[in-house]
Structures are given as C-alpha cells and as structure tokens.
Amino acid sequence: MNLGITIIIITILSYFSSYLNNKYLNFTLTRMFYFLGAFIHESSHALMCVLTGAKITEFKVFTKQPRVSHYRSKIPFLGQSLISLAPLAGGIFFLFLINKYLLHNYLILNSPQNFSEIFQFILIVLEQINFLEWPAWVIVLLSFNIGAMIGPSWQDLKNTWWIFPILFFVKWSFLLRFGFLIIELVLINILIQLFFILILKLFKRK
C-alpha cells in the first residue's frame, strides 16, 4: 500500500458517503451537519492558504457548492497541493477536538498500522457506541458528513494531479497510518449511514 492508493480509496469512499446522504438521508438535520462538514473542509483550505501565503479572494460555505478561491501560493509547486489536501488533516483535528473536549474521549480510536487492521478497529469503535447515551448521537450526526468534511473534492484532486505520480511511491509509515485512520472513520460513517437507511426502509414498509 502507498499514499497515492490510500488517497484514492479515501476519495471513492467519501463520494459514496455523500451519495448515500443525498439519496437516502437528505433531511434538514443532516443538511445542517453537511454545512458543518463543509465549513470544516473549506476552513482547512483557508487556513492552509494563510500558512502558505495564498491570498484568499472568496470563502463560501452555505451554498450548494462550497468553495475557497485564492491566488497562487508563495510556496512553489508544493503550496497548492498542501492547500488542496488540507481537509484530510483539518477534519481529523476537528473530530479529535470534539471527541476530547466535548465528549471527554467517548471514543477510543486506534490508528491502524496496516490495511487489514482497519476492519478490526472498526468493530472496536462500533462496540463503543451506545445509542442510549447522548455522545453517541453526536458521533452519529457528525459521522453522516465525515466524507464531505475530510474527503478531497474533484477540484482538490485536479489541483494535485502532478503530485500523484510521486505519492504512488511514498510509503512513509506515519502518513500511511494517518490515511488508514481516515479510511477507518469514513467506513464507520458509511456503516452508520447504511444502518439508518435500513431502519428507515423498515419503517416505510410498516
């Protein structure tokens, strides 16, 4: 496994998660949390713009197509890629803060060291969710839009096209474990979505 493949997997899973939301879970509450996810996503872009010296010209969140427009980064070549991939780190950092300070470490997350451990850790996380406790519902509502919060958009991928051939040769364990953690979270998100979709369909049949 390398970093390029890991990012592609994250992107595919994120788009699938967004598809499930739009197709089956398109309610007022989930749309509100979508905008929270979009805010974190675009704020991550904006923060990296500031850090790399790219002047921001537009910051839009509460639209059908949230976006950040900016001038060229002052860091040649690498600057635009850092801006485009910033939500990968920004989304994880936001979830870490929520879990630590609002939910008081309700979930104990392990960072997989290899791809096979992802599924093992998913089961461990799901076992911690108790729907009789309010933190579990915070996790559920946030998880609905983890894909939109963390996953690269199509424009993000276009902006980083040149670096992908390099990423296919990157096997730095720290970055791979970070990527595996994101895959774990998005897969948990999808499983929660599928669970609620199944519940809704059972209720409709009645």
N, C-alpha and C. Protein backbone atom coordinates (compact mmCIF):
# COMPACT_ATOMS: atom_id res chain seq x y z
N MET A 1 0.85 -1.19 0.00
CA MET A 1 0.00 0.00 0.00
C MET A 1 0.89 1.25 0.00
N ASN A 2 0.48 2.26 -0.79
CA ASN A 2 1.21 3.52 -0.81
C ASN A 2 0.25 4.68 -0.63
N LEU A 3 0.79 5.88 -0.49
CA LEU A 3 -0.04 7.04 -0.16
C LEU A 3 -0.99 7.41 -1.30
N GLY A 4 -0.57 7.24 -2.54
CA GLY A 4 -1.43 7.56 -3.67
C GLY A 4 -2.70 6.71 -3.68
N ILE A 5 -2.55 5.40 -3.51
CA ILE A 5 -3.70 4.49 -3.48
C ILE A 5 -4.59 4.80 -2.28
N THR A 6 -3.95 5.12 -1.14
CA THR A 6 -4.71 5.44 0.07
C THR A 6 -5.62 6.64 -0.16
N ILE A 7 -5.10 7.69 -0.79
CA ILE A 7 -5.91 8.89 -1.05
C ILE A 7 -7.03 8.59 -2.04
N ILE A 8 -6.77 7.75 -3.02
CA ILE A 8 -7.81 7.36 -3.98
C ILE A 8 -8.94 6.62 -3.26
N ILE A 9 -8.58 5.70 -2.37
CA ILE A 9 -9.60 4.96 -1.60
C ILE A 9 -10.42 5.93 -0.75
N ILE A 10 -9.75 6.87 -0.08
CA ILE A 10 -10.46 7.86 0.73
C ILE A 10 -11.44 8.65 -0.13
N THR A 11 -11.01 9.04 -1.32
CA THR A 11 -11.86 9.83 -2.22
C THR A 11 -13.09 9.04 -2.65
N ILE A 12 -12.90 7.79 -3.06
CA ILE A 12 -14.02 6.95 -3.51
C ILE A 12 -15.02 6.75 -2.37
N LEU A 13 -14.52 6.42 -1.19
CA LEU A 13 -15.40 6.20 -0.04
C LEU A 13 -16.14 7.49 0.34
N SER A 14 -15.46 8.62 0.26
CA SER A 14 -16.08 9.90 0.61
C SER A 14 -17.21 10.24 -0.35
N TYR A 15 -16.98 9.99 -1.64
CA TYR A 15 -18.03 10.26 -2.62
C TYR A 15 -19.21 9.31 -2.43
N PHE A 16 -18.93 8.07 -2.08
CA PHE A 16 -20.01 7.11 -1.83
C PHE A 16 -20.83 7.54 -0.61
N SER A 17 -20.14 8.01 0.42
CA SER A 17 -20.82 8.50 1.62
C SER A 17 -21.72 9.68 1.28
N SER A 18 -21.21 10.63 0.49
CA SER A 18 -22.02 11.79 0.09
C SER A 18 -23.21 11.35 -0.75
N TYR A 19 -23.01 10.34 -1.59
CA TYR A 19 -24.12 9.82 -2.41
C TYR A 19 -25.23 9.25 -1.52
N LEU A 20 -24.85 8.49 -0.50
CA LEU A 20 -25.85 7.92 0.42
C LEU A 20 -26.64 9.02 1.12
N ASN A 21 -25.94 10.08 1.53
CA ASN A 21 -26.62 11.20 2.18
C ASN A 21 -27.63 11.84 1.24
N ASN A 22 -27.18 12.14 0.03
CA ASN A 22 -28.05 12.85 -0.92
C ASN A 22 -29.22 12.00 -1.38
N LYS A 23 -29.00 10.70 -1.46
CA LYS A 23 -30.02 9.80 -2.00
C LYS A 23 -31.02 9.36 -0.94
N TYR A 24 -30.54 9.05 0.26
CA TYR A 24 -31.40 8.40 1.25
C TYR A 24 -31.55 9.16 2.58
N LEU A 25 -30.63 10.06 2.87
CA LEU A 25 -30.65 10.73 4.18
C LEU A 25 -30.68 12.25 4.04
N ASN A 26 -31.41 12.70 3.06
CA ASN A 26 -31.44 14.13 2.74
C ASN A 26 -32.53 14.83 3.56
N PHE A 27 -32.24 14.97 4.87
CA PHE A 27 -33.18 15.61 5.78
C PHE A 27 -32.60 16.94 6.27
N THR A 28 -33.45 17.76 6.87
CA THR A 28 -33.00 19.08 7.35
C THR A 28 -31.83 18.96 8.31
N LEU A 29 -31.91 18.02 9.26
CA LEU A 29 -30.86 17.87 10.26
C LEU A 29 -29.54 17.44 9.63
N THR A 30 -29.61 16.48 8.73
CA THR A 30 -28.37 16.02 8.09
C THR A 30 -27.79 17.10 7.18
N ARG A 31 -28.65 17.92 6.57
CA ARG A 31 -28.15 19.02 5.74
C ARG A 31 -27.44 20.05 6.61
N MET A 32 -27.95 20.29 7.82
CA MET A 32 -27.29 21.22 8.74
C MET A 32 -25.89 20.73 9.09
N PHE A 33 -25.77 19.43 9.33
CA PHE A 33 -24.45 18.89 9.64
C PHE A 33 -23.56 18.81 8.40
N TYR A 34 -24.19 18.76 7.22
CA TYR A 34 -23.40 18.83 5.99
C TYR A 34 -22.68 20.17 5.92
N PHE A 35 -23.39 21.25 6.26
CA PHE A 35 -22.77 22.56 6.21
C PHE A 35 -21.68 22.70 7.26
N LEU A 36 -21.84 22.02 8.39
CA LEU A 36 -20.76 22.00 9.37
C LEU A 36 -19.53 21.30 8.78
N GLY A 37 -19.77 20.16 8.12
CA GLY A 37 -18.68 19.46 7.47
C GLY A 37 -18.03 20.31 6.39
N ALA A 38 -18.87 21.02 5.61
CA ALA A 38 -18.34 21.88 4.55
C ALA A 38 -17.54 23.02 5.14
N PHE A 39 -18.00 23.56 6.29
CA PHE A 39 -17.28 24.65 6.94
C PHE A 39 -15.89 24.19 7.37
N ILE A 40 -15.81 23.01 7.97
CA ILE A 40 -14.52 22.47 8.41
C ILE A 40 -13.62 22.23 7.19
N HIS A 41 -14.21 21.68 6.14
CA HIS A 41 -13.46 21.38 4.91
C HIS A 41 -12.87 22.67 4.32
N GLU A 42 -13.74 23.67 4.12
CA GLU A 42 -13.28 24.90 3.48
C GLU A 42 -12.39 25.71 4.41
N SER A 43 -12.64 25.66 5.71
CA SER A 43 -11.77 26.36 6.66
C SER A 43 -10.36 25.77 6.66
N SER A 44 -10.28 24.46 6.46
CA SER A 44 -8.96 23.82 6.36
C SER A 44 -8.21 24.35 5.15
N HIS A 45 -8.92 24.47 4.02
CA HIS A 45 -8.30 25.09 2.84
C HIS A 45 -7.83 26.50 3.15
N ALA A 46 -8.73 27.27 3.79
CA ALA A 46 -8.43 28.68 4.05
C ALA A 46 -7.22 28.84 4.98
N LEU A 47 -7.16 28.02 6.02
CA LEU A 47 -6.05 28.10 6.96
C LEU A 47 -4.73 27.78 6.25
N MET A 48 -4.74 26.78 5.39
CA MET A 48 -3.51 26.44 4.67
C MET A 48 -3.15 27.53 3.66
N CYS A 49 -4.16 28.21 3.12
CA CYS A 49 -3.88 29.36 2.26
C CYS A 49 -3.07 30.40 3.03
N VAL A 50 -3.52 30.70 4.24
CA VAL A 50 -2.82 31.68 5.08
C VAL A 50 -1.40 31.22 5.38
N LEU A 51 -1.26 29.94 5.71
CA LEU A 51 0.06 29.41 6.10
C LEU A 51 1.03 29.37 4.92
N THR A 52 0.50 29.25 3.71
CA THR A 52 1.38 29.16 2.53
C THR A 52 1.43 30.47 1.74
N GLY A 53 0.79 31.52 2.28
CA GLY A 53 0.87 32.83 1.64
C GLY A 53 0.02 32.99 0.40
N ALA A 54 -1.09 32.26 0.32
CA ALA A 54 -2.01 32.39 -0.82
C ALA A 54 -3.18 33.28 -0.40
N LYS A 55 -3.30 34.46 -1.00
CA LYS A 55 -4.34 35.41 -0.62
C LYS A 55 -5.72 34.88 -0.99
N ILE A 56 -6.64 34.87 -0.01
CA ILE A 56 -7.99 34.37 -0.22
C ILE A 56 -8.86 35.45 -0.85
N THR A 57 -9.56 35.11 -1.93
CA THR A 57 -10.44 36.07 -2.60
C THR A 57 -11.92 35.75 -2.41
N GLU A 58 -12.21 34.51 -2.00
CA GLU A 58 -13.62 34.12 -1.82
C GLU A 58 -13.69 32.95 -0.84
N PHE A 59 -14.65 33.04 0.08
CA PHE A 59 -14.86 31.95 1.05
C PHE A 59 -16.37 31.75 1.16
N LYS A 60 -16.87 30.65 0.59
CA LYS A 60 -18.31 30.38 0.59
C LYS A 60 -18.57 28.99 1.16
N VAL A 61 -19.48 28.91 2.11
CA VAL A 61 -19.83 27.64 2.74
C VAL A 61 -21.29 27.30 2.53
N PHE A 62 -22.18 28.25 2.82
CA PHE A 62 -23.62 27.97 2.82
C PHE A 62 -24.21 28.08 1.41
N THR A 63 -23.64 27.33 0.50
CA THR A 63 -24.12 27.25 -0.89
C THR A 63 -24.11 25.79 -1.31
N LYS A 64 -24.68 25.52 -2.48
CA LYS A 64 -24.68 24.15 -2.99
C LYS A 64 -23.28 23.67 -3.33
N GLN A 65 -22.40 24.62 -3.66
CA GLN A 65 -21.02 24.27 -3.99
C GLN A 65 -20.06 25.12 -3.15
N PRO A 66 -19.84 24.72 -1.89
CA PRO A 66 -18.91 25.47 -1.03
C PRO A 66 -17.52 25.51 -1.67
N ARG A 67 -16.83 26.62 -1.46
CA ARG A 67 -15.50 26.74 -2.08
C ARG A 67 -14.69 27.86 -1.44
N VAL A 68 -13.38 27.75 -1.64
CA VAL A 68 -12.44 28.82 -1.30
C VAL A 68 -11.66 29.14 -2.55
N SER A 69 -11.70 30.41 -2.95
CA SER A 69 -10.91 30.85 -4.10
C SER A 69 -9.72 31.65 -3.57
N HIS A 70 -8.58 31.52 -4.24
CA HIS A 70 -7.37 32.18 -3.74
C HIS A 70 -6.38 32.37 -4.86
N TYR A 71 -5.42 33.26 -4.60
CA TYR A 71 -4.32 33.45 -5.53
C TYR A 71 -3.28 32.34 -5.32
N ARG A 72 -2.28 32.35 -6.16
CA ARG A 72 -1.25 31.32 -6.09
C ARG A 72 -0.48 31.38 -4.77
N SER A 73 -0.14 30.21 -4.26
CA SER A 73 0.64 30.14 -3.03
C SER A 73 2.06 30.65 -3.27
N LYS A 74 2.64 31.21 -2.20
CA LYS A 74 4.02 31.69 -2.29
C LYS A 74 5.04 30.55 -2.21
N ILE A 75 4.55 29.35 -1.90
CA ILE A 75 5.43 28.18 -1.89
C ILE A 75 5.30 27.49 -3.25
N PRO A 76 6.33 27.53 -4.07
CA PRO A 76 6.23 26.95 -5.42
C PRO A 76 5.90 25.45 -5.38
N PHE A 77 5.07 25.02 -6.35
CA PHE A 77 4.72 23.61 -6.55
C PHE A 77 3.97 22.99 -5.38
N LEU A 78 4.62 22.91 -4.22
CA LEU A 78 4.05 22.19 -3.10
C LEU A 78 2.89 22.92 -2.44
N GLY A 79 2.87 24.25 -2.51
CA GLY A 79 1.87 25.06 -1.81
C GLY A 79 0.44 24.69 -2.18
N GLN A 80 0.16 24.59 -3.49
CA GLN A 80 -1.21 24.28 -3.92
C GLN A 80 -1.64 22.89 -3.47
N SER A 81 -0.72 21.94 -3.48
CA SER A 81 -1.05 20.59 -3.03
C SER A 81 -1.37 20.57 -1.53
N LEU A 82 -0.62 21.34 -0.74
CA LEU A 82 -0.90 21.42 0.69
C LEU A 82 -2.27 22.02 0.94
N ILE A 83 -2.63 23.04 0.16
CA ILE A 83 -3.95 23.67 0.30
C ILE A 83 -5.04 22.68 -0.06
N SER A 84 -4.87 21.95 -1.15
CA SER A 84 -5.89 21.03 -1.64
C SER A 84 -6.12 19.86 -0.70
N LEU A 85 -5.06 19.38 -0.06
CA LEU A 85 -5.16 18.20 0.80
C LEU A 85 -5.34 18.56 2.27
N ALA A 86 -5.45 19.84 2.58
CA ALA A 86 -5.56 20.29 3.97
C ALA A 86 -6.74 19.69 4.73
N PRO A 87 -7.93 19.47 4.09
CA PRO A 87 -9.05 18.90 4.85
C PRO A 87 -8.78 17.51 5.42
N LEU A 88 -7.85 16.77 4.86
CA LEU A 88 -7.50 15.47 5.42
C LEU A 88 -7.03 15.62 6.87
N ALA A 89 -6.21 16.64 7.10
CA ALA A 89 -5.71 16.90 8.46
C ALA A 89 -6.72 17.72 9.26
N GLY A 90 -7.33 18.72 8.61
CA GLY A 90 -8.26 19.60 9.32
C GLY A 90 -9.48 18.87 9.86
N GLY A 91 -10.03 17.95 9.07
CA GLY A 91 -11.20 17.19 9.50
C GLY A 91 -10.88 16.29 10.68
N ILE A 92 -9.73 15.61 10.61
CA ILE A 92 -9.31 14.74 11.71
C ILE A 92 -9.08 15.54 12.98
N PHE A 93 -8.44 16.72 12.84
CA PHE A 93 -8.16 17.55 14.01
C PHE A 93 -9.46 18.02 14.66
N PHE A 94 -10.45 18.39 13.86
CA PHE A 94 -11.75 18.83 14.38
C PHE A 94 -12.42 17.70 15.16
N LEU A 95 -12.43 16.50 14.59
CA LEU A 95 -13.05 15.36 15.26
C LEU A 95 -12.30 15.00 16.55
N PHE A 96 -10.99 15.14 16.52
CA PHE A 96 -10.20 14.90 17.74
C PHE A 96 -10.60 15.88 18.84
N LEU A 97 -10.77 17.16 18.50
CA LEU A 97 -11.15 18.17 19.50
C LEU A 97 -12.54 17.89 20.06
N ILE A 98 -13.49 17.53 19.17
CA ILE A 98 -14.85 17.22 19.62
C ILE A 98 -14.85 16.03 20.57
N ASN A 99 -14.13 14.98 20.18
CA ASN A 99 -14.10 13.77 20.99
C ASN A 99 -13.42 14.01 22.34
N LYS A 100 -12.35 14.81 22.34
CA LYS A 100 -11.57 15.01 23.56
C LYS A 100 -12.25 15.99 24.52
N TYR A 101 -12.72 17.12 24.00
CA TYR A 101 -13.17 18.19 24.89
C TYR A 101 -14.68 18.26 25.06
N LEU A 102 -15.45 17.91 24.03
CA LEU A 102 -16.90 17.92 24.18
C LEU A 102 -17.42 16.58 24.70
N LEU A 103 -16.86 15.50 24.16
CA LEU A 103 -17.34 14.16 24.53
C LEU A 103 -16.45 13.48 25.56
N HIS A 104 -15.39 14.17 25.98
CA HIS A 104 -14.50 13.65 27.03
C HIS A 104 -13.99 12.24 26.69
N ASN A 105 -13.45 12.13 25.48
CA ASN A 105 -12.87 10.87 25.00
C ASN A 105 -13.87 9.72 25.02
N TYR A 106 -15.07 10.01 24.52
CA TYR A 106 -16.11 8.98 24.46
C TYR A 106 -15.65 7.80 23.60
N LEU A 107 -14.99 8.11 22.47
CA LEU A 107 -14.46 7.05 21.62
C LEU A 107 -12.96 6.93 21.80
N ILE A 108 -12.51 5.71 21.88
CA ILE A 108 -11.07 5.43 21.89
C ILE A 108 -10.70 4.95 20.50
N LEU A 109 -9.98 5.80 19.78
CA LEU A 109 -9.63 5.49 18.40
C LEU A 109 -8.19 4.99 18.33
N ASN A 110 -8.01 3.92 17.59
CA ASN A 110 -6.67 3.39 17.34
C ASN A 110 -6.30 3.65 15.89
N SER A 111 -5.06 4.00 15.67
CA SER A 111 -4.59 4.24 14.31
C SER A 111 -4.05 2.94 13.72
N PRO A 112 -4.69 2.41 12.68
CA PRO A 112 -4.23 1.13 12.10
C PRO A 112 -2.80 1.24 11.57
N GLN A 113 -2.03 0.20 11.79
CA GLN A 113 -0.66 0.18 11.28
C GLN A 113 -0.59 -0.46 9.90
N ASN A 114 -1.63 -1.16 9.51
CA ASN A 114 -1.69 -1.72 8.16
C ASN A 114 -3.16 -1.79 7.74
N PHE A 115 -3.39 -2.09 6.48
CA PHE A 115 -4.74 -2.03 5.92
C PHE A 115 -5.67 -3.04 6.58
N SER A 116 -5.16 -4.21 6.90
CA SER A 116 -6.01 -5.26 7.47
C SER A 116 -6.53 -4.90 8.86
N GLU A 117 -5.78 -4.06 9.59
CA GLU A 117 -6.21 -3.67 10.93
C GLU A 117 -7.40 -2.71 10.91
N ILE A 118 -7.65 -2.08 9.78
CA ILE A 118 -8.75 -1.12 9.68
C ILE A 118 -10.07 -1.77 10.11
N PHE A 119 -10.35 -2.94 9.59
CA PHE A 119 -11.63 -3.59 9.85
C PHE A 119 -11.72 -4.08 11.30
N GLN A 120 -10.60 -4.48 11.85
CA GLN A 120 -10.57 -4.87 13.25
C GLN A 120 -10.91 -3.69 14.15
N PHE A 121 -10.33 -2.52 13.87
CA PHE A 121 -10.56 -1.33 14.68
C PHE A 121 -11.96 -0.76 14.47
N ILE A 122 -12.54 -0.97 13.29
CA ILE A 122 -13.91 -0.52 13.05
C ILE A 122 -14.86 -1.21 14.03
N LEU A 123 -14.68 -2.51 14.21
CA LEU A 123 -15.54 -3.25 15.14
C LEU A 123 -15.36 -2.75 16.58
N ILE A 124 -14.11 -2.41 16.93
CA ILE A 124 -13.84 -1.91 18.28
C ILE A 124 -14.56 -0.58 18.50
N VAL A 125 -14.54 0.30 17.50
CA VAL A 125 -15.21 1.60 17.62
C VAL A 125 -16.72 1.42 17.69
N LEU A 126 -17.28 0.58 16.83
CA LEU A 126 -18.74 0.38 16.82
C LEU A 126 -19.24 -0.19 18.14
N GLU A 127 -18.42 -1.02 18.78
CA GLU A 127 -18.81 -1.59 20.08
C GLU A 127 -18.89 -0.53 21.17
N GLN A 128 -18.22 0.62 20.96
CA GLN A 128 -18.23 1.68 21.96
C GLN A 128 -19.46 2.58 21.87
N ILE A 129 -20.20 2.49 20.77
CA ILE A 129 -21.34 3.39 20.55
C ILE A 129 -22.58 2.81 21.21
N ASN A 130 -23.08 3.54 22.17
CA ASN A 130 -24.29 3.16 22.90
C ASN A 130 -25.37 4.20 22.61
N PHE A 131 -26.41 3.82 21.88
CA PHE A 131 -27.42 4.78 21.45
C PHE A 131 -28.29 5.31 22.59
N LEU A 132 -28.08 4.79 23.79
CA LEU A 132 -28.79 5.32 24.96
C LEU A 132 -28.04 6.49 25.60
N GLU A 133 -26.87 6.82 25.06
CA GLU A 133 -26.05 7.91 25.59
C GLU A 133 -25.98 9.03 24.57
N TRP A 134 -26.10 10.28 25.03
CA TRP A 134 -26.13 11.42 24.11
C TRP A 134 -24.84 11.58 23.29
N PRO A 135 -23.63 11.29 23.84
CA PRO A 135 -22.44 11.42 22.99
C PRO A 135 -22.50 10.54 21.74
N ALA A 136 -23.17 9.40 21.85
CA ALA A 136 -23.28 8.51 20.69
C ALA A 136 -24.01 9.21 19.56
N TRP A 137 -25.05 9.99 19.88
CA TRP A 137 -25.82 10.69 18.85
C TRP A 137 -25.03 11.85 18.25
N VAL A 138 -24.16 12.46 19.04
CA VAL A 138 -23.26 13.48 18.48
C VAL A 138 -22.33 12.83 17.46
N ILE A 139 -21.79 11.67 17.83
CA ILE A 139 -20.91 10.93 16.92
C ILE A 139 -21.66 10.56 15.64
N VAL A 140 -22.89 10.08 15.79
CA VAL A 140 -23.69 9.66 14.63
C VAL A 140 -23.95 10.84 13.69
N LEU A 141 -24.39 11.97 14.26
CA LEU A 141 -24.72 13.12 13.42
C LEU A 141 -23.49 13.69 12.74
N LEU A 142 -22.38 13.71 13.46
CA LEU A 142 -21.14 14.17 12.83
C LEU A 142 -20.67 13.20 11.77
N SER A 143 -20.84 11.91 12.03
CA SER A 143 -20.32 10.90 11.11
C SER A 143 -21.03 10.92 9.77
N PHE A 144 -22.29 11.38 9.75
CA PHE A 144 -23.01 11.41 8.49
C PHE A 144 -22.25 12.19 7.41
N ASN A 145 -21.48 13.18 7.84
CA ASN A 145 -20.81 14.03 6.85
C ASN A 145 -19.30 14.04 6.98
N ILE A 146 -18.76 12.98 7.55
CA ILE A 146 -17.30 12.88 7.62
C ILE A 146 -16.70 12.83 6.21
N GLY A 147 -17.40 12.18 5.31
CA GLY A 147 -16.91 12.11 3.93
C GLY A 147 -16.75 13.49 3.32
N ALA A 148 -17.77 14.35 3.50
CA ALA A 148 -17.70 15.71 2.97
C ALA A 148 -16.68 16.55 3.72
N MET A 149 -16.50 16.26 5.00
CA MET A 149 -15.59 17.04 5.84
C MET A 149 -14.14 16.76 5.49
N ILE A 150 -13.81 15.50 5.29
CA ILE A 150 -12.42 15.09 5.15
C ILE A 150 -12.01 14.84 3.70
N GLY A 151 -12.88 14.20 2.95
CA GLY A 151 -12.51 13.72 1.62
C GLY A 151 -12.17 14.83 0.63
N PRO A 152 -11.17 14.61 -0.23
CA PRO A 152 -10.83 15.59 -1.26
C PRO A 152 -11.96 15.72 -2.28
N SER A 153 -12.24 16.93 -2.70
CA SER A 153 -13.22 17.15 -3.77
C SER A 153 -12.56 16.89 -5.12
N TRP A 154 -13.37 16.87 -6.16
CA TRP A 154 -12.83 16.68 -7.51
C TRP A 154 -11.85 17.78 -7.85
N GLN A 155 -12.17 19.03 -7.45
CA GLN A 155 -11.26 20.15 -7.71
C GLN A 155 -9.96 20.00 -6.94
N ASP A 156 -10.05 19.48 -5.71
CA ASP A 156 -8.83 19.24 -4.93
C ASP A 156 -7.91 18.26 -5.64
N LEU A 157 -8.51 17.21 -6.20
CA LEU A 157 -7.70 16.22 -6.91
C LEU A 157 -7.08 16.81 -8.18
N LYS A 158 -7.85 17.65 -8.88
CA LYS A 158 -7.32 18.29 -10.09
C LYS A 158 -6.13 19.18 -9.74
N ASN A 159 -6.21 19.83 -8.58
CA ASN A 159 -5.13 20.74 -8.18
C ASN A 159 -3.87 20.00 -7.76
N THR A 160 -4.00 18.70 -7.48
CA THR A 160 -2.84 17.94 -7.01
C THR A 160 -2.43 16.85 -8.00
N TRP A 161 -2.92 16.93 -9.23
CA TRP A 161 -2.69 15.85 -10.20
C TRP A 161 -1.20 15.57 -10.39
N TRP A 162 -0.39 16.64 -10.38
CA TRP A 162 1.03 16.47 -10.67
C TRP A 162 1.77 15.70 -9.59
N ILE A 163 1.24 15.76 -8.34
CA ILE A 163 1.96 15.12 -7.24
C ILE A 163 1.60 13.64 -7.09
N PHE A 164 0.51 13.20 -7.74
CA PHE A 164 0.07 11.81 -7.56
C PHE A 164 1.08 10.79 -8.04
N PRO A 165 1.74 10.99 -9.18
CA PRO A 165 2.77 10.00 -9.56
C PRO A 165 3.84 9.83 -8.48
N ILE A 166 4.12 10.91 -7.73
CA ILE A 166 5.09 10.83 -6.65
C ILE A 166 4.51 10.08 -5.46
N LEU A 167 3.22 10.36 -5.15
CA LEU A 167 2.58 9.73 -3.99
C LEU A 167 2.49 8.21 -4.12
N PHE A 168 2.47 7.71 -5.36
CA PHE A 168 2.40 6.26 -5.56
C PHE A 168 3.70 5.56 -5.14
N PHE A 169 4.73 6.37 -4.86
CA PHE A 169 6.00 5.79 -4.41
C PHE A 169 6.27 6.12 -2.94
N VAL A 170 5.34 6.85 -2.31
CA VAL A 170 5.53 7.24 -0.91
C VAL A 170 4.94 6.17 0.01
N LYS A 171 5.76 5.59 0.87
CA LYS A 171 5.30 4.56 1.81
C LYS A 171 5.72 4.91 3.25
N TRP A 172 5.74 6.21 3.53
CA TRP A 172 6.09 6.68 4.86
C TRP A 172 5.03 6.20 5.84
N SER A 173 5.45 5.44 6.84
CA SER A 173 4.50 4.76 7.73
C SER A 173 3.59 5.74 8.47
N PHE A 174 4.12 6.91 8.88
CA PHE A 174 3.30 7.88 9.60
C PHE A 174 2.14 8.36 8.74
N LEU A 175 2.41 8.71 7.49
CA LEU A 175 1.35 9.19 6.59
C LEU A 175 0.38 8.08 6.24
N LEU A 176 0.90 6.87 6.07
CA LEU A 176 0.02 5.75 5.76
C LEU A 176 -0.92 5.44 6.92
N ARG A 177 -0.41 5.47 8.14
CA ARG A 177 -1.26 5.23 9.30
C ARG A 177 -2.32 6.32 9.43
N PHE A 178 -1.95 7.55 9.12
CA PHE A 178 -2.90 8.65 9.12
C PHE A 178 -3.99 8.41 8.08
N GLY A 179 -3.57 7.96 6.89
CA GLY A 179 -4.54 7.65 5.84
C GLY A 179 -5.44 6.49 6.22
N PHE A 180 -4.87 5.47 6.85
CA PHE A 180 -5.68 4.32 7.29
C PHE A 180 -6.72 4.74 8.33
N LEU A 181 -6.34 5.68 9.20
CA LEU A 181 -7.28 6.19 10.20
C LEU A 181 -8.46 6.89 9.53
N ILE A 182 -8.17 7.66 8.49
CA ILE A 182 -9.25 8.34 7.75
C ILE A 182 -10.16 7.33 7.08
N ILE A 183 -9.58 6.31 6.46
CA ILE A 183 -10.38 5.25 5.83
C ILE A 183 -11.27 4.59 6.87
N GLU A 184 -10.70 4.32 8.05
CA GLU A 184 -11.47 3.71 9.14
C GLU A 184 -12.67 4.57 9.50
N LEU A 185 -12.46 5.88 9.65
CA LEU A 185 -13.55 6.78 10.04
C LEU A 185 -14.62 6.88 8.97
N VAL A 186 -14.20 6.95 7.72
CA VAL A 186 -15.19 7.06 6.64
C VAL A 186 -15.98 5.75 6.50
N LEU A 187 -15.33 4.62 6.68
CA LEU A 187 -16.05 3.34 6.63
C LEU A 187 -17.05 3.23 7.79
N ILE A 188 -16.65 3.69 8.98
CA ILE A 188 -17.60 3.72 10.10
C ILE A 188 -18.79 4.60 9.75
N ASN A 189 -18.49 5.75 9.15
CA ASN A 189 -19.54 6.65 8.68
C ASN A 189 -20.51 5.93 7.75
N ILE A 190 -19.99 5.21 6.78
CA ILE A 190 -20.83 4.52 5.79
C ILE A 190 -21.66 3.42 6.46
N LEU A 191 -21.07 2.69 7.39
CA LEU A 191 -21.82 1.64 8.09
C LEU A 191 -22.98 2.24 8.90
N ILE A 192 -22.73 3.38 9.55
CA ILE A 192 -23.80 4.06 10.30
C ILE A 192 -24.88 4.54 9.35
N GLN A 193 -24.48 5.09 8.22
CA GLN A 193 -25.46 5.53 7.22
C GLN A 193 -26.32 4.36 6.75
N LEU A 194 -25.69 3.24 6.42
CA LEU A 194 -26.42 2.07 5.93
C LEU A 194 -27.37 1.54 7.00
N PHE A 195 -26.94 1.59 8.25
CA PHE A 195 -27.80 1.15 9.35
C PHE A 195 -29.08 1.99 9.41
N PHE A 196 -28.93 3.31 9.35
CA PHE A 196 -30.10 4.18 9.42
C PHE A 196 -30.96 4.11 8.16
N ILE A 197 -30.33 3.90 7.02
CA ILE A 197 -31.10 3.71 5.78
C ILE A 197 -31.96 2.46 5.90
N LEU A 198 -31.40 1.38 6.45
CA LEU A 198 -32.14 0.14 6.64
C LEU A 198 -33.31 0.36 7.60
N ILE A 199 -33.07 1.08 8.70
CA ILE A 199 -34.14 1.38 9.66
C ILE A 199 -35.26 2.16 9.00
N LEU A 200 -34.90 3.17 8.22
CA LEU A 200 -35.91 3.99 7.53
C LEU A 200 -36.74 3.16 6.56
N LYS A 201 -36.08 2.26 5.85
CA LYS A 201 -36.81 1.41 4.89
C LYS A 201 -37.74 0.45 5.62
N LEU A 202 -37.33 -0.06 6.77
CA LEU A 202 -38.21 -0.96 7.55
C LEU A 202 -39.43 -0.20 8.05
N PHE A 203 -39.25 1.04 8.48
CA PHE A 203 -40.38 1.83 8.95
C PHE A 203 -41.33 2.17 7.82
N LYS A 204 -40.77 2.43 6.63
CA LYS A 204 -41.63 2.75 5.48
C LYS A 204 -42.49 1.57 5.08
N ARG A 205 -41.95 0.37 5.22
CA ARG A 205 -42.71 -0.83 4.88
C ARG A 205 -43.91 -1.02 5.81
N LYS A 206 -43.74 -0.56 7.05
CA LYS A 206 -44.84 -0.70 8.01
C LYS A 206 -45.91 0.35 7.74
